[in-house]
């Protein structure tokens, strides 16, 4: 449900999605939305290249009237990830062992169950809402305050991953213009509004009202996630001719599919 993590998420949209923390037997591909799981993040070695350009028969569905601005912001975010976030994550990986990185990510994810629960209810996905309640109870107790994920590991209960942008989409709201902002992942006007609503109901805002502390936790969460996904984007920039168009295409199609699911 929560907003994608900083510039790294932009590249994550350019390739097919799987769970970034669960290894698969053949291919390994990134996820931009940071649901912490239990496995190694050494993923990128077999990562397939993203398509050079989106399929021509679908490009007419893309509404990008702010493309010149978006391209500049996209380039800024890519450079920010390459020259700032990734080097910091490299040092972070040395200081914080991977098992602790996973525990930290699990803890953040467990706290943010409320927006996923609320949006599942608003979309009429009561099974998903029930899973969120079950996950929170199990992981907060047997999972030692959410540091572990026995709900998924032992009971197979996965998060619903619903957000208010998807809720607006299920209510019939169109995506509006595509939008790229500094430090944030790709979005649309609809999903940007949804992001704001999700942040408003995020428990962090109530239990940690002091803004500098919340900002520090957000930065720490972002660095931790980038460390977990350190190798995910290896080779993507070099093998994709038009990275901006590919990211835009796959982000919009992915969001469209999430709303339909």
Foldseek 3Di string as FASTA:
>chain_A
DAFFFFLVLLLLLLADDDDQADDDDAAFAYDRPQDQDDHANPHAPRHDAGAQFPDPVCVVVAFAPPVVVQVVQNVVRVVCCVPPLLVLLVVVCVVDPPLQLSLLSQLLVLQLLVQLLVLCVLLVVVVLNVLSVVQNVCCCPVVVHRSHRCCCVPVNRDHPPDWVLLSVVLVPDDQAHWDRDHRGHTGGPSVVVRNVVSVVPRCCCVVPVPVVVVVVSSVVNSSSSCSSNSNNCVCHVVRHNDSNNSSSVSVVVVSVVSSVD
